[in-house]
PDB file of N, CA and C in Angstrom:
ATOM      1  N   MET A   1     -73.960  34.952   6.176  1.00  0.00           N
ATOM      2  CA  MET A   1     -73.402  34.178   7.407  1.00  0.00           C
ATOM      3  C   MET A   1     -74.278  33.043   7.806  1.00  0.00           C
ATOM      4  N   ALA A   2     -73.808  31.915   7.796  1.00  0.00           N
ATOM      5  CA  ALA A   2     -74.561  30.689   8.126  1.00  0.00           C
ATOM      6  C   ALA A   2     -74.041  30.207   9.510  1.00  0.00           C
ATOM      7  N   SER A   3     -74.960  29.790  10.359  1.00  0.00           N
ATOM      8  CA  SER A   3     -74.435  29.269  11.705  1.00  0.00           C
ATOM      9  C   SER A   3     -74.950  27.869  11.863  1.00  0.00           C
ATOM     10  N   PHE A   4     -74.168  27.036  12.356  1.00  0.00           N
ATOM     11  CA  PHE A   4     -74.481  25.583  12.563  1.00  0.00           C
ATOM     12  C   PHE A   4     -74.205  25.358  14.042  1.00  0.00           C
ATOM     13  N   VAL A   5     -75.178  24.833  14.680  1.00  0.00           N
ATOM     14  CA  VAL A   5     -75.066  24.644  16.163  1.00  0.00           C
ATOM     15  C   VAL A   5     -75.126  23.194  16.407  1.00  0.00           C
ATOM     16  N   CYS A   6     -74.159  22.613  17.072  1.00  0.00           N
ATOM     17  CA  CYS A   6     -74.234  21.265  17.490  1.00  0.00           C
ATOM     18  C   CYS A   6     -73.867  21.145  19.025  1.00  0.00           C
ATOM     19  N   ARG A   7     -74.374  20.149  19.532  1.00  0.00           N
ATOM     20  CA  ARG A   7     -73.955  20.007  21.089  1.00  0.00           C
ATOM     21  C   ARG A   7     -73.364  18.681  21.239  1.00  0.00           C
ATOM     22  N   ARG A   8     -72.380  18.762  22.240  1.00  0.00           N
ATOM     23  CA  ARG A   8     -71.774  17.424  22.609  1.00  0.00           C
ATOM     24  C   ARG A   8     -71.589  17.280  24.084  1.00  0.00           C
ATOM     25  N   SER A   9     -71.474  16.136  24.662  1.00  0.00           N
ATOM     26  CA  SER A   9     -71.243  15.987  26.014  1.00  0.00           C
ATOM     27  C   SER A   9     -69.919  16.179  26.411  1.00  0.00           C
ATOM     28  N   ARG A  10     -69.719  16.802  27.704  1.00  0.00           N
ATOM     29  CA  ARG A  10     -68.381  16.943  28.131  1.00  0.00           C
ATOM     30  C   ARG A  10     -67.732  15.681  28.854  1.00  0.00           C
ATOM     31  N   ASP A  11     -68.483  14.601  28.777  1.00  0.00           N
ATOM     32  CA  ASP A  11     -68.066  13.365  29.545  1.00  0.00           C
ATOM     33  C   ASP A  11     -66.796  12.765  29.011  1.00  0.00           C
ATOM     34  N   GLY A  12     -66.284  13.260  27.977  1.00  0.00           N
ATOM     35  CA  GLY A  12     -65.007  12.770  27.445  1.00  0.00           C
ATOM     36  C   GLY A  12     -65.140  11.612  26.423  1.00  0.00           C
ATOM     37  N   ALA A  13     -66.385  11.057  26.301  1.00  0.00           N
ATOM     38  CA  ALA A  13     -66.525   9.984  25.385  1.00  0.00           C
ATOM     39  C   ALA A  13     -66.840  10.406  23.927  1.00  0.00           C
ATOM     40  N   VAL A  14     -66.971  11.740  23.825  1.00  0.00           N
ATOM     41  CA  VAL A  14     -67.202  12.139  22.418  1.00  0.00           C
ATOM     42  C   VAL A  14     -66.123  13.147  22.029  1.00  0.00           C
ATOM     43  N   LEU A  15     -65.480  12.923  20.815  1.00  0.00           N
ATOM     44  CA  LEU A  15     -64.480  13.781  20.346  1.00  0.00           C
ATOM     45  C   LEU A  15     -65.040  15.072  19.851  1.00  0.00           C
ATOM     46  N   ASP A  16     -64.214  16.114  19.982  1.00  0.00           N
ATOM     47  CA  ASP A  16     -64.746  17.498  19.340  1.00  0.00           C
ATOM     48  C   ASP A  16     -64.766  17.339  17.901  1.00  0.00           C
ATOM     49  N   PRO A  17     -65.955  17.642  17.320  1.00  0.00           N
ATOM     50  CA  PRO A  17     -66.186  17.425  15.880  1.00  0.00           C
ATOM     51  C   PRO A  17     -65.804  18.642  15.125  1.00  0.00           C
ATOM     52  N   SER A  18     -65.246  19.722  15.700  1.00  0.00           N
ATOM     53  CA  SER A  18     -65.098  20.994  15.012  1.00  0.00           C
ATOM     54  C   SER A  18     -64.287  20.954  13.783  1.00  0.00           C
ATOM     55  N   LYS A  19     -63.095  20.334  13.786  1.00  0.00           N
ATOM     56  CA  LYS A  19     -62.237  20.250  12.569  1.00  0.00           C
ATOM     57  C   LYS A  19     -63.023  19.400  11.466  1.00  0.00           C
ATOM     58  N   ALA A  20     -63.317  18.237  11.740  1.00  0.00           N
ATOM     59  CA  ALA A  20     -64.117  17.494  10.768  1.00  0.00           C
ATOM     60  C   ALA A  20     -65.205  18.144  10.171  1.00  0.00           C
ATOM     61  N   LEU A  21     -66.101  18.855  11.093  1.00  0.00           N
ATOM     62  CA  LEU A  21     -67.308  19.568  10.529  1.00  0.00           C
ATOM     63  C   LEU A  21     -66.847  20.718   9.735  1.00  0.00           C
ATOM     64  N   THR A  22     -65.899  21.457  10.055  1.00  0.00           N
ATOM     65  CA  THR A  22     -65.340  22.632   9.320  1.00  0.00           C
ATOM     66  C   THR A  22     -64.942  22.072   7.918  1.00  0.00           C
ATOM     67  N   ASP A  23     -64.271  20.996   7.857  1.00  0.00           N
ATOM     68  CA  ASP A  23     -63.813  20.466   6.542  1.00  0.00           C
ATOM     69  C   ASP A  23     -65.017  19.998   5.694  1.00  0.00           C
ATOM     70  N   LEU A  24     -65.927  19.380   6.329  1.00  0.00           N
ATOM     71  CA  LEU A  24     -67.191  18.912   5.643  1.00  0.00           C
ATOM     72  C   LEU A  24     -67.991  20.116   5.068  1.00  0.00           C
ATOM     73  N   VAL A  25     -68.035  21.154   5.742  1.00  0.00           N
ATOM     74  CA  VAL A  25     -68.854  22.317   5.415  1.00  0.00           C
ATOM     75  C   VAL A  25     -68.119  22.939   4.296  1.00  0.00           C
ATOM     76  N   ARG A  26     -66.757  23.168   4.410  1.00  0.00           N
ATOM     77  CA  ARG A  26     -66.004  23.770   3.471  1.00  0.00           C
ATOM     78  C   ARG A  26     -66.177  23.048   2.046  1.00  0.00           C
ATOM     79  N   ALA A  27     -66.109  21.779   2.081  1.00  0.00           N
ATOM     80  CA  ALA A  27     -66.087  20.870   0.967  1.00  0.00           C
ATOM     81  C   ALA A  27     -67.507  20.880   0.267  1.00  0.00           C
ATOM     82  N   ALA A  28     -68.635  20.838   1.170  1.00  0.00           N
ATOM     83  CA  ALA A  28     -69.968  20.989   0.598  1.00  0.00           C
ATOM     84  C   ALA A  28     -70.275  22.299   0.083  1.00  0.00           C
ATOM     85  N   LEU A  29     -69.854  23.304   0.628  1.00  0.00           N
ATOM     86  CA  LEU A  29     -70.217  24.675   0.161  1.00  0.00           C
ATOM     87  C   LEU A  29     -69.246  25.203  -0.935  1.00  0.00           C
ATOM     88  N   HIS A  30     -68.200  24.425  -1.066  1.00  0.00           N
ATOM     89  CA  HIS A  30     -67.043  24.862  -2.140  1.00  0.00           C
ATOM     90  C   HIS A  30     -66.787  26.407  -1.803  1.00  0.00           C
ATOM     91  N   LEU A  31     -66.418  26.611  -0.593  1.00  0.00           N
ATOM     92  CA  LEU A  31     -66.040  27.980  -0.290  1.00  0.00           C
ATOM     93  C   LEU A  31     -64.686  28.424  -0.928  1.00  0.00           C
ATOM     94  N   ASP A  32     -64.672  29.661  -1.347  1.00  0.00           N
ATOM     95  CA  ASP A  32     -63.444  30.187  -2.067  1.00  0.00           C
ATOM     96  C   ASP A  32     -62.660  30.891  -0.814  1.00  0.00           C
ATOM     97  N   GLN A  33     -61.556  31.469  -1.327  1.00  0.00           N
ATOM     98  CA  GLN A  33     -60.620  32.041  -0.266  1.00  0.00           C
ATOM     99  C   GLN A  33     -61.144  33.219   0.334  1.00  0.00           C
ATOM    100  N   GLY A  34     -62.145  33.905  -0.199  1.00  0.00           N
ATOM    101  CA  GLY A  34     -62.809  35.023   0.460  1.00  0.00           C
ATOM    102  C   GLY A  34     -63.699  34.781   1.644  1.00  0.00           C
ATOM    103  N   CYS A  35     -63.974  33.459   1.716  1.00  0.00           N
ATOM    104  CA  CYS A  35     -64.941  33.041   2.863  1.00  0.00           C
ATOM    105  C   CYS A  35     -64.226  32.805   4.170  1.00  0.00           C
ATOM    106  N   GLN A  36     -64.895  32.989   5.185  1.00  0.00           N
ATOM    107  CA  GLN A  36     -64.356  32.943   6.512  1.00  0.00           C
ATOM    108  C   GLN A  36     -65.133  31.947   7.352  1.00  0.00           C
ATOM    109  N   ILE A  37     -64.499  31.013   8.128  1.00  0.00           N
ATOM    110  CA  ILE A  37     -65.244  30.145   8.984  1.00  0.00           C
ATOM    111  C   ILE A  37     -64.755  30.308  10.433  1.00  0.00           C
ATOM    112  N   ALA A  38     -65.640  30.578  11.434  1.00  0.00           N
ATOM    113  CA  ALA A  38     -65.187  30.725  12.769  1.00  0.00           C
ATOM    114  C   ALA A  38     -65.942  29.718  13.520  1.00  0.00           C
ATOM    115  N   ILE A  39     -65.251  29.108  14.507  1.00  0.00           N
ATOM    116  CA  ILE A  39     -65.742  28.194  15.538  1.00  0.00           C
ATOM    117  C   ILE A  39     -65.783  28.728  16.872  1.00  0.00           C
ATOM    118  N   MET A  40     -66.850  28.575  17.514  1.00  0.00           N
ATOM    119  CA  MET A  40     -66.928  29.033  19.128  1.00  0.00           C
ATOM    120  C   MET A  40     -67.479  27.955  19.752  1.00  0.00           C
ATOM    121  N   GLN A  41     -67.093  27.752  21.028  1.00  0.00           N
ATOM    122  CA  GLN A  41     -67.736  26.805  21.870  1.00  0.00           C
ATOM    123  C   GLN A  41     -67.964  27.409  23.140  1.00  0.00           C
ATOM    124  N   MET A  42     -69.144  27.063  23.741  1.00  0.00           N
ATOM    125  CA  MET A  42     -69.644  27.730  24.946  1.00  0.00           C
ATOM    126  C   MET A  42     -70.622  26.825  25.702  1.00  0.00           C
ATOM    127  N   GLN A  43     -70.869  27.164  26.990  1.00  0.00           N
ATOM    128  CA  GLN A  43     -71.845  26.358  27.749  1.00  0.00           C
ATOM    129  C   GLN A  43     -73.129  26.470  26.920  1.00  0.00           C
ATOM    130  N   CYS A  44     -74.055  25.563  27.072  1.00  0.00           N
ATOM    131  CA  CYS A  44     -75.335  25.553  26.422  1.00  0.00           C
ATOM    132  C   CYS A  44     -76.157  26.659  26.847  1.00  0.00           C
ATOM    133  N   GLY A  45     -76.507  26.806  28.128  1.00  0.00           N
ATOM    134  CA  GLY A  45     -77.234  27.955  28.722  1.00  0.00           C
ATOM    135  C   GLY A  45     -78.693  27.910  28.238  1.00  0.00           C
ATOM    136  N   SER A  46     -79.164  27.350  27.359  1.00  0.00           N
ATOM    137  CA  SER A  46     -80.503  27.355  26.899  1.00  0.00           C
ATOM    138  C   SER A  46     -81.485  26.595  27.595  1.00  0.00           C
ATOM    139  N   CYS A  47     -81.127  25.510  28.419  1.00  0.00           N
ATOM    140  CA  CYS A  47     -82.074  24.784  29.192  1.00  0.00           C
ATOM    141  C   CYS A  47     -82.224  25.304  30.564  1.00  0.00           C
ATOM    142  N   GLY A  48     -81.339  26.281  30.986  1.00  0.00           N
ATOM    143  CA  GLY A  48     -81.555  26.746  32.343  1.00  0.00           C
ATOM    144  C   GLY A  48     -81.033  26.035  33.450  1.00  0.00           C
ATOM    145  N   ASP A  49     -80.533  24.705  33.149  1.00  0.00           N
ATOM    146  CA  ASP A  49     -80.066  23.830  34.285  1.00  0.00           C
ATOM    147  C   ASP A  49     -78.524  24.253  34.484  1.00  0.00           C
ATOM    148  N   PRO A  50     -78.303  24.696  35.668  1.00  0.00           N
ATOM    149  CA  PRO A  50     -76.932  25.149  35.949  1.00  0.00           C
ATOM    150  C   PRO A  50     -75.986  23.971  35.912  1.00  0.00           C
ATOM    151  N   ASP A  51     -76.221  22.697  36.040  1.00  0.00           N
ATOM    152  CA  ASP A  51     -75.463  21.536  35.983  1.00  0.00           C
ATOM    153  C   ASP A  51     -75.505  20.950  34.606  1.00  0.00           C
ATOM    154  N   CYS A  52     -75.967  21.650  33.679  1.00  0.00           N
ATOM    155  CA  CYS A  52     -75.962  21.086  32.220  1.00  0.00           C
ATOM    156  C   CYS A  52     -74.568  20.771  31.807  1.00  0.00           C
ATOM    157  N   SER A  53     -74.351  19.666  31.213  1.00  0.00           N
ATOM    158  CA  SER A  53     -72.944  19.296  30.779  1.00  0.00           C
ATOM    159  C   SER A  53     -72.810  19.460  29.252  1.00  0.00           C
ATOM    160  N   GLU A  54     -73.787  20.119  28.661  1.00  0.00           N
ATOM    161  CA  GLU A  54     -73.739  20.173  27.234  1.00  0.00           C
ATOM    162  C   GLU A  54     -72.877  21.481  26.842  1.00  0.00           C
ATOM    163  N   ILE A  55     -72.237  21.286  25.764  1.00  0.00           N
ATOM    164  CA  ILE A  55     -71.364  22.430  25.171  1.00  0.00           C
ATOM    165  C   ILE A  55     -71.958  22.820  23.664  1.00  0.00           C
ATOM    166  N   GLU A  56     -72.134  23.923  23.369  1.00  0.00           N
ATOM    167  CA  GLU A  56     -72.427  24.302  22.021  1.00  0.00           C
ATOM    168  C   GLU A  56     -71.331  24.649  21.236  1.00  0.00           C
ATOM    169  N   SER A  57     -71.234  24.015  20.039  1.00  0.00           N
ATOM    170  CA  SER A  57     -70.278  24.315  19.120  1.00  0.00           C
ATOM    171  C   SER A  57     -70.962  25.140  18.039  1.00  0.00           C
ATOM    172  N   ILE A  58     -70.512  26.392  17.769  1.00  0.00           N
ATOM    173  CA  ILE A  58     -71.118  27.133  16.748  1.00  0.00           C
ATOM    174  C   ILE A  58     -70.126  27.438  15.617  1.00  0.00           C
ATOM    175  N   ILE A  59     -70.555  27.041  14.411  1.00  0.00           N
ATOM    176  CA  ILE A  59     -69.656  27.306  13.343  1.00  0.00           C
ATOM    177  C   ILE A  59     -70.380  28.361  12.511  1.00  0.00           C
ATOM    178  N   GLN A  60     -69.694  29.535  12.255  1.00  0.00           N
ATOM    179  CA  GLN A  60     -70.239  30.595  11.474  1.00  0.00           C
ATOM    180  C   GLN A  60     -69.415  30.647  10.160  1.00  0.00           C
ATOM    181  N   ILE A  61     -70.242  30.776   9.087  1.00  0.00           N
ATOM    182  CA  ILE A  61     -69.653  30.890   7.766  1.00  0.00           C
ATOM    183  C   ILE A  61     -69.969  32.161   7.205  1.00  0.00           C
ATOM    184  N   ASP A  62     -68.975  32.915   6.813  1.00  0.00           N
ATOM    185  CA  ASP A  62     -69.289  34.228   6.113  1.00  0.00           C
ATOM    186  C   ASP A  62     -69.052  34.090   4.741  1.00  0.00           C
ATOM    187  N   ALA A  63     -70.029  34.020   3.848  1.00  0.00           N
ATOM    188  CA  ALA A  63     -69.793  33.661   2.482  1.00  0.00           C
ATOM    189  C   ALA A  63     -69.795  34.806   1.565  1.00  0.00           C
ATOM    190  N   GLY A  64     -69.683  36.119   2.134  1.00  0.00           N
ATOM    191  CA  GLY A  64     -69.364  37.203   1.299  1.00  0.00           C
ATOM    192  C   GLY A  64     -70.490  37.902   0.742  1.00  0.00           C
ATOM    193  N   ALA A  65     -70.568  37.952  -0.471  1.00  0.00           N
ATOM    194  CA  ALA A  65     -71.546  38.856  -1.237  1.00  0.00           C
ATOM    195  C   ALA A  65     -72.986  39.013  -0.828  1.00  0.00           C
ATOM    196  N   ALA A  66     -73.623  37.858  -0.733  1.00  0.00           N
ATOM    197  CA  ALA A  66     -75.076  37.947  -0.179  1.00  0.00           C
ATOM    198  C   ALA A  66     -75.228  37.070   0.992  1.00  0.00           C
ATOM    199  N   PRO A  67     -74.728  37.383   1.970  1.00  0.00           N
ATOM    200  CA  PRO A  67     -74.743  36.391   3.263  1.00  0.00           C
ATOM    201  C   PRO A  67     -76.212  36.259   3.790  1.00  0.00           C
ATOM    202  N   ARG A  68     -76.411  34.994   4.140  1.00  0.00           N
ATOM    203  CA  ARG A  68     -77.747  34.711   4.731  1.00  0.00           C
ATOM    204  C   ARG A  68     -77.484  33.971   5.947  1.00  0.00           C
ATOM    205  N   ARG A  69     -78.260  34.078   6.996  1.00  0.00           N
ATOM    206  CA  ARG A  69     -78.102  33.460   8.385  1.00  0.00           C
ATOM    207  C   ARG A  69     -78.857  32.286   8.490  1.00  0.00           C
ATOM    208  N   LEU A  70     -78.325  31.068   8.766  1.00  0.00           N
ATOM    209  CA  LEU A  70     -79.032  29.869   8.835  1.00  0.00           C
ATOM    210  C   LEU A  70     -78.623  29.265  10.283  1.00  0.00           C
ATOM    211  N   ARG A  71     -79.572  28.930  11.019  1.00  0.00           N
ATOM    212  CA  ARG A  71     -79.089  28.289  12.170  1.00  0.00           C
ATOM    213  C   ARG A  71     -79.833  26.987  12.403  1.00  0.00           C
ATOM    214  N   ILE A  72     -79.022  25.893  12.499  1.00  0.00           N
ATOM    215  CA  ILE A  72     -79.455  24.638  12.676  1.00  0.00           C
ATOM    216  C   ILE A  72     -79.172  24.184  14.054  1.00  0.00           C
ATOM    217  N   ALA A  73     -80.157  24.163  14.974  1.00  0.00           N
ATOM    218  CA  ALA A  73     -79.970  23.779  16.248  1.00  0.00           C
ATOM    219  C   ALA A  73     -80.540  22.558  16.741  1.00  0.00           C
ATOM    220  N   LYS A  74     -79.718  21.569  17.059  1.00  0.00           N
ATOM    221  CA  LYS A  74     -80.101  20.233  17.515  1.00  0.00           C
ATOM    222  C   LYS A  74     -79.301  19.713  18.637  1.00  0.00           C
ATOM    223  N   ALA A  75     -80.019  19.077  19.561  1.00  0.00           N
ATOM    224  CA  ALA A  75     -79.271  18.467  20.534  1.00  0.00           C
ATOM    225  C   ALA A  75     -78.743  17.165  20.012  1.00  0.00           C
ATOM    226  N   MET A  76     -77.480  17.016  19.608  1.00  0.00           N
ATOM    227  CA  MET A  76     -76.992  15.884  18.992  1.00  0.00           C
ATOM    228  C   MET A  76     -75.577  15.791  18.956  1.00  0.00           C
ATOM    229  N   ARG A  77     -74.987  14.663  18.737  1.00  0.00           N
ATOM    230  CA  ARG A  77     -73.580  14.336  18.880  1.00  0.00           C
ATOM    231  C   ARG A  77     -72.753  14.693  17.608  1.00  0.00           C
ATOM    232  N   ARG A  78     -73.477  14.926  16.483  1.00  0.00           N
ATOM    233  CA  ARG A  78     -72.761  15.205  15.193  1.00  0.00           C
ATOM    234  C   ARG A  78     -73.833  15.934  14.222  1.00  0.00           C
ATOM    235  N   ILE A  79     -73.309  16.541  13.123  1.00  0.00           N
ATOM    236  CA  ILE A  79     -74.044  17.052  12.159  1.00  0.00           C
ATOM    237  C   ILE A  79     -73.804  16.203  10.940  1.00  0.00           C
ATOM    238  N   THR A  80     -75.009  15.792  10.292  1.00  0.00           N
ATOM    239  CA  THR A  80     -74.963  14.967   9.165  1.00  0.00           C
ATOM    240  C   THR A  80     -74.798  15.552   7.901  1.00  0.00           C
ATOM    241  N   ARG A  81     -74.503  14.756   6.800  1.00  0.00           N
ATOM    242  CA  ARG A  81     -74.448  15.321   5.507  1.00  0.00           C
ATOM    243  C   ARG A  81     -75.665  16.043   5.038  1.00  0.00           C
ATOM    244  N   ALA A  82     -76.906  15.528   5.535  1.00  0.00           N
ATOM    245  CA  ALA A  82     -78.188  16.055   5.143  1.00  0.00           C
ATOM    246  C   ALA A  82     -78.266  17.469   5.727  1.00  0.00           C
ATOM    247  N   ASP A  83     -77.767  17.694   6.942  1.00  0.00           N
ATOM    248  CA  ASP A  83     -77.763  18.994   7.572  1.00  0.00           C
ATOM    249  C   ASP A  83     -76.923  19.980   6.758  1.00  0.00           C
ATOM    250  N   VAL A  84     -75.805  19.446   6.201  1.00  0.00           N
ATOM    251  CA  VAL A  84     -74.935  20.414   5.374  1.00  0.00           C
ATOM    252  C   VAL A  84     -75.616  20.666   4.184  1.00  0.00           C
ATOM    253  N   LEU A  85     -76.281  19.745   3.489  1.00  0.00           N
ATOM    254  CA  LEU A  85     -76.937  19.987   2.224  1.00  0.00           C
ATOM    255  C   LEU A  85     -78.104  20.883   2.384  1.00  0.00           C
ATOM    256  N   MET A  86     -78.848  20.906   3.567  1.00  0.00           N
ATOM    257  CA  MET A  86     -79.824  21.703   3.801  1.00  0.00           C
ATOM    258  C   MET A  86     -79.264  23.255   3.900  1.00  0.00           C
ATOM    259  N   ALA A  87     -78.299  23.201   4.636  1.00  0.00           N
ATOM    260  CA  ALA A  87     -77.524  24.624   4.758  1.00  0.00           C
ATOM    261  C   ALA A  87     -77.121  25.178   3.385  1.00  0.00           C
ATOM    262  N   GLN A  88     -76.587  24.253   2.600  1.00  0.00           N
ATOM    263  CA  GLN A  88     -76.051  24.598   1.209  1.00  0.00           C
ATOM    264  C   GLN A  88     -77.390  25.181   0.442  1.00  0.00           C
ATOM    265  N   ALA A  89     -78.543  24.482   0.473  1.00  0.00           N
ATOM    266  CA  ALA A  89     -79.688  24.881  -0.273  1.00  0.00           C
ATOM    267  C   ALA A  89     -80.061  26.279   0.276  1.00  0.00           C
ATOM    268  N   ALA A  90     -80.064  26.447   1.556  1.00  0.00           N
ATOM    269  CA  ALA A  90     -80.638  27.677   2.207  1.00  0.00           C
ATOM    270  C   ALA A  90     -79.629  28.887   1.954  1.00  0.00           C
ATOM    271  N   SER A  91     -78.435  28.673   1.676  1.00  0.00           N
ATOM    272  CA  SER A  91     -77.398  29.746   1.404  1.00  0.00           C
ATOM    273  C   SER A  91     -77.334  30.215   0.082  1.00  0.00           C
ATOM    274  N   ARG A  92     -78.120  29.548  -0.930  1.00  0.00           N
ATOM    275  CA  ARG A  92     -78.062  30.001  -2.312  1.00  0.00           C
ATOM    276  C   ARG A  92     -78.967  31.097  -2.518  1.00  0.00           C
ATOM    277  N   PRO A  93     -78.551  32.161  -3.212  1.00  0.00           N
ATOM    278  CA  PRO A  93     -79.450  33.306  -3.430  1.00  0.00           C
ATOM    279  C   PRO A  93     -80.795  32.991  -4.180  1.00  0.00           C
TER     280      PRO A  93
END
């Protein structure tokens, strides 16, 4: 299981990156049909500020046989190809 966490503002200026990010992760990791990708979005909650306008997008990848958990947590607007390559390297047995 790999977990990617990105945050985006709820101000409406930033589009939800979930679909594009899922496609990028699927392509980068060459996932087969047995793999599953789940996307969850929730309030940040980590900063303790009740007026926080950040939303966490968590993308979990269950790669099957030897799952490893990776969490990339960044306060950022997008996840870059470098992040995906880091995840790919960490998910190899």
